């Protein structure tokens, strides 16, 4: 009986374990999103440089990405080392075009010098806005 119960529990938990991201590996980015919120922590002493970086990136997105409809830069009120980007795009093609200009690619290559660890990203599908 114990063997049957154990086998049943394993059979029930395997699909759940497969659905969870593996430790150390980020979850796969969904394909059906048009909005995202991304947090970046600045390295100690790099907060002002990171702020300048994102202000410049905001200008580049406005200039080179017509499918971008929102690109807001924020800082966490309780942690001024953490910058938050809220982005929204008109469709999947606009999402795919994000960051593809030569200037944006060059800028992203330098971002690692400013970040303390990997960014934290959440991907969403807009339902409604005012």
C-alpha atoms as a PDB file:
ATOM      1  CA  UNK A   1       0.000   0.000   0.000  1.00  0.00           C
ATOM      2  CA  UNK A   2       2.820   2.418   0.915  1.00  0.00           C
ATOM      3  CA  UNK A   3       4.395   1.797  -2.483  1.00  0.00           C
ATOM      4  CA  UNK A   4       1.150   2.673  -4.291  1.00  0.00           C
ATOM      5  CA  UNK A   5       0.688   5.870  -2.268  1.00  0.00           C
ATOM      6  CA  UNK A   6       4.322   6.886  -2.819  1.00  0.00           C
ATOM      7  CA  UNK A   7       4.055   6.235  -6.550  1.00  0.00           C
ATOM      8  CA  UNK A   8       0.835   8.247  -6.710  1.00  0.00           C
ATOM      9  CA  UNK A   9       2.422  11.196  -4.875  1.00  0.00           C
ATOM     10  CA  UNK A  10       5.408  11.159  -7.215  1.00  0.00           C
ATOM     11  CA  UNK A  11       3.136  10.991 -10.256  1.00  0.00           C
ATOM     12  CA  UNK A  12       1.147  13.976  -8.961  1.00  0.00           C
ATOM     13  CA  UNK A  13       4.162  16.138  -8.093  1.00  0.00           C
ATOM     14  CA  UNK A  14       6.304  15.548 -11.182  1.00  0.00           C
ATOM     15  CA  UNK A  15       4.226  17.866 -13.424  1.00  0.00           C
ATOM     16  CA  UNK A  16       4.343  20.559 -10.734  1.00  0.00           C
ATOM     17  CA  UNK A  17       8.099  20.238 -10.361  1.00  0.00           C
ATOM     18  CA  UNK A  18       8.551  20.456 -14.138  1.00  0.00           C
ATOM     19  CA  UNK A  19       6.513  23.678 -14.244  1.00  0.00           C
ATOM     20  CA  UNK A  20       8.684  25.397 -11.620  1.00  0.00           C
ATOM     21  CA  UNK A  21      11.824  27.222 -12.816  1.00  0.00           C
ATOM     22  CA  UNK A  22      15.004  25.402 -11.867  1.00  0.00           C
ATOM     23  CA  UNK A  23      17.093  27.020  -9.155  1.00  0.00           C
ATOM     24  CA  UNK A  24      19.533  29.481 -10.690  1.00  0.00           C
ATOM     25  CA  UNK A  25      17.729  29.551 -14.013  1.00  0.00           C
ATOM     26  CA  UNK A  26      15.334  32.384 -14.842  1.00  0.00           C
ATOM     27  CA  UNK A  27      11.845  31.447 -15.952  1.00  0.00           C
ATOM     28  CA  UNK A  28      11.347  31.538 -19.699  1.00  0.00           C
ATOM     29  CA  UNK A  29      10.102  34.888 -20.963  1.00  0.00           C
ATOM     30  CA  UNK A  30       6.477  34.599 -22.095  1.00  0.00           C
ATOM     31  CA  UNK A  31       5.619  35.375 -25.707  1.00  0.00           C
ATOM     32  CA  UNK A  32       2.229  36.995 -25.162  1.00  0.00           C
ATOM     33  CA  UNK A  33       3.180  40.173 -23.297  1.00  0.00           C
ATOM     34  CA  UNK A  34       3.117  43.829 -24.255  1.00  0.00           C
ATOM     35  CA  UNK A  35       4.052  45.387 -20.930  1.00  0.00           C
ATOM     36  CA  UNK A  36       6.791  44.877 -18.385  1.00  0.00           C
ATOM     37  CA  UNK A  37       8.083  46.191 -15.107  1.00  0.00           C
ATOM     38  CA  UNK A  38      11.815  45.784 -14.632  1.00  0.00           C
ATOM     39  CA  UNK A  39      13.836  46.595 -11.501  1.00  0.00           C
ATOM     40  CA  UNK A  40      17.547  47.327 -11.588  1.00  0.00           C
ATOM     41  CA  UNK A  41      19.707  47.747  -8.489  1.00  0.00           C
ATOM     42  CA  UNK A  42      22.640  50.127  -8.905  1.00  0.00           C
ATOM     43  CA  UNK A  43      26.063  49.121  -7.673  1.00  0.00           C
ATOM     44  CA  UNK A  44      27.174  51.095  -4.613  1.00  0.00           C
ATOM     45  CA  UNK A  45      28.175  54.590  -5.714  1.00  0.00           C
ATOM     46  CA  UNK A  46      26.635  54.145  -9.191  1.00  0.00           C
ATOM     47  CA  UNK A  47      23.078  55.344  -8.537  1.00  0.00           C
ATOM     48  CA  UNK A  48      23.446  58.715 -10.261  1.00  0.00           C
ATOM     49  CA  UNK A  49      25.151  57.097 -13.260  1.00  0.00           C
ATOM     50  CA  UNK A  50      22.332  54.572 -13.481  1.00  0.00           C
ATOM     51  CA  UNK A  51      19.760  57.359 -13.338  1.00  0.00           C
ATOM     52  CA  UNK A  52      21.547  59.164 -16.180  1.00  0.00           C
ATOM     53  CA  UNK A  53      21.719  55.900 -18.134  1.00  0.00           C
ATOM     54  CA  UNK A  54      17.959  55.355 -17.903  1.00  0.00           C
ATOM     55  CA  UNK A  55      17.145  58.960 -18.745  1.00  0.00           C
ATOM     56  CA  UNK A  56      19.264  58.592 -21.896  1.00  0.00           C
ATOM     57  CA  UNK A  57      17.644  55.228 -22.701  1.00  0.00           C
ATOM     58  CA  UNK A  58      14.215  56.815 -22.306  1.00  0.00           C
ATOM     59  CA  UNK A  59      15.176  59.394 -24.966  1.00  0.00           C
ATOM     60  CA  UNK A  60      16.496  56.664 -27.270  1.00  0.00           C
ATOM     61  CA  UNK A  61      13.297  54.618 -26.932  1.00  0.00           C
ATOM     62  CA  UNK A  62      11.179  57.707 -27.676  1.00  0.00           C
ATOM     63  CA  UNK A  63      13.268  58.426 -30.777  1.00  0.00           C
ATOM     64  CA  UNK A  64      13.758  54.958 -32.245  1.00  0.00           C
ATOM     65  CA  UNK A  65      10.795  52.848 -31.081  1.00  0.00           C
ATOM     66  CA  UNK A  66       7.465  54.154 -32.428  1.00  0.00           C
ATOM     67  CA  UNK A  67       5.670  51.080 -31.016  1.00  0.00           C
ATOM     68  CA  UNK A  68       6.520  52.058 -27.452  1.00  0.00           C
ATOM     69  CA  UNK A  69       3.539  53.746 -25.775  1.00  0.00           C
ATOM     70  CA  UNK A  70       4.878  54.020 -22.214  1.00  0.00           C
ATOM     71  CA  UNK A  71       8.385  54.151 -20.771  1.00  0.00           C
ATOM     72  CA  UNK A  72       8.411  55.493 -17.242  1.00  0.00           C
ATOM     73  CA  UNK A  73      11.475  55.720 -15.009  1.00  0.00           C
ATOM     74  CA  UNK A  74      10.931  55.475 -11.258  1.00  0.00           C
ATOM     75  CA  UNK A  75      13.010  54.936  -8.157  1.00  0.00           C
ATOM     76  CA  UNK A  76      11.877  52.928  -5.156  1.00  0.00           C
ATOM     77  CA  UNK A  77      10.813  55.351  -2.424  1.00  0.00           C
ATOM     78  CA  UNK A  78      12.328  53.188   0.306  1.00  0.00           C
ATOM     79  CA  UNK A  79      15.449  52.179  -1.654  1.00  0.00           C
ATOM     80  CA  UNK A  80      16.892  54.865  -3.959  1.00  0.00           C
ATOM     81  CA  UNK A  81      19.438  52.387  -5.343  1.00  0.00           C
ATOM     82  CA  UNK A  82      16.633  50.514  -7.152  1.00  0.00           C
ATOM     83  CA  UNK A  83      15.345  51.923 -10.430  1.00  0.00           C
ATOM     84  CA  UNK A  84      12.093  50.689 -11.932  1.00  0.00           C
ATOM     85  CA  UNK A  85      11.188  50.877 -15.615  1.00  0.00           C
ATOM     86  CA  UNK A  86       7.511  50.518 -16.564  1.00  0.00           C
ATOM     87  CA  UNK A  87       7.184  49.814 -20.282  1.00  0.00           C
ATOM     88  CA  UNK A  88       4.283  49.191 -22.608  1.00  0.00           C
ATOM     89  CA  UNK A  89       4.223  48.453 -26.330  1.00  0.00           C
ATOM     90  CA  UNK A  90       1.440  48.516 -28.900  1.00  0.00           C
ATOM     91  CA  UNK A  91       1.984  44.936 -30.111  1.00  0.00           C
ATOM     92  CA  UNK A  92       4.348  41.957 -30.280  1.00  0.00           C
ATOM     93  CA  UNK A  93       6.340  43.486 -33.145  1.00  0.00           C
ATOM     94  CA  UNK A  94       6.993  46.575 -31.024  1.00  0.00           C
ATOM     95  CA  UNK A  95       8.153  44.386 -28.127  1.00  0.00           C
ATOM     96  CA  UNK A  96      10.522  42.539 -30.487  1.00  0.00           C
ATOM     97  CA  UNK A  97      11.916  45.865 -31.758  1.00  0.00           C
ATOM     98  CA  UNK A  98      12.706  47.084 -28.241  1.00  0.00           C
ATOM     99  CA  UNK A  99      16.396  47.783 -27.721  1.00  0.00           C
ATOM    100  CA  UNK A 100      17.370  46.920 -31.293  1.00  0.00           C
ATOM    101  CA  UNK A 101      18.726  50.316 -32.365  1.00  0.00           C
ATOM    102  CA  UNK A 102      22.519  50.464 -32.574  1.00  0.00           C
ATOM    103  CA  UNK A 103      22.639  53.082 -29.823  1.00  0.00           C
ATOM    104  CA  UNK A 104      20.417  51.013 -27.500  1.00  0.00           C
ATOM    105  CA  UNK A 105      22.564  47.911 -28.099  1.00  0.00           C
ATOM    106  CA  UNK A 106      25.724  49.868 -27.266  1.00  0.00           C
ATOM    107  CA  UNK A 107      24.073  51.289 -24.144  1.00  0.00           C
ATOM    108  CA  UNK A 108      22.870  47.888 -22.914  1.00  0.00           C
ATOM    109  CA  UNK A 109      26.416  46.555 -23.341  1.00  0.00           C
ATOM    110  CA  UNK A 110      27.542  49.070 -20.691  1.00  0.00           C
ATOM    111  CA  UNK A 111      24.655  48.450 -18.281  1.00  0.00           C
ATOM    112  CA  UNK A 112      26.487  45.636 -16.497  1.00  0.00           C
ATOM    113  CA  UNK A 113      29.002  48.158 -15.171  1.00  0.00           C
ATOM    114  CA  UNK A 114      26.189  49.862 -13.263  1.00  0.00           C
ATOM    115  CA  UNK A 115      24.072  46.932 -12.013  1.00  0.00           C
ATOM    116  CA  UNK A 116      24.450  45.058  -8.756  1.00  0.00           C
ATOM    117  CA  UNK A 117      23.098  41.692  -9.873  1.00  0.00           C
ATOM    118  CA  UNK A 118      20.607  40.735 -12.562  1.00  0.00           C
ATOM    119  CA  UNK A 119      17.439  42.733 -13.165  1.00  0.00           C
ATOM    120  CA  UNK A 120      14.085  41.520 -11.883  1.00  0.00           C
ATOM    121  CA  UNK A 121      11.444  41.511 -14.617  1.00  0.00           C
ATOM    122  CA  UNK A 122       7.715  40.889 -14.652  1.00  0.00           C
ATOM    123  CA  UNK A 123       5.930  40.502 -17.992  1.00  0.00           C
ATOM    124  CA  UNK A 124       2.268  41.357 -18.437  1.00  0.00           C
ATOM    125  CA  UNK A 125      -0.517  41.611 -20.968  1.00  0.00           C
ATOM    126  CA  UNK A 126      -2.438  44.866 -20.777  1.00  0.00           C
ATOM    127  CA  UNK A 127      -6.178  44.474 -20.358  1.00  0.00           C
ATOM    128  CA  UNK A 128      -7.220  48.109 -20.098  1.00  0.00           C
ATOM    129  CA  UNK A 129      -5.882  51.606 -19.450  1.00  0.00           C
ATOM    130  CA  UNK A 130      -7.448  55.005 -19.156  1.00  0.00           C
END
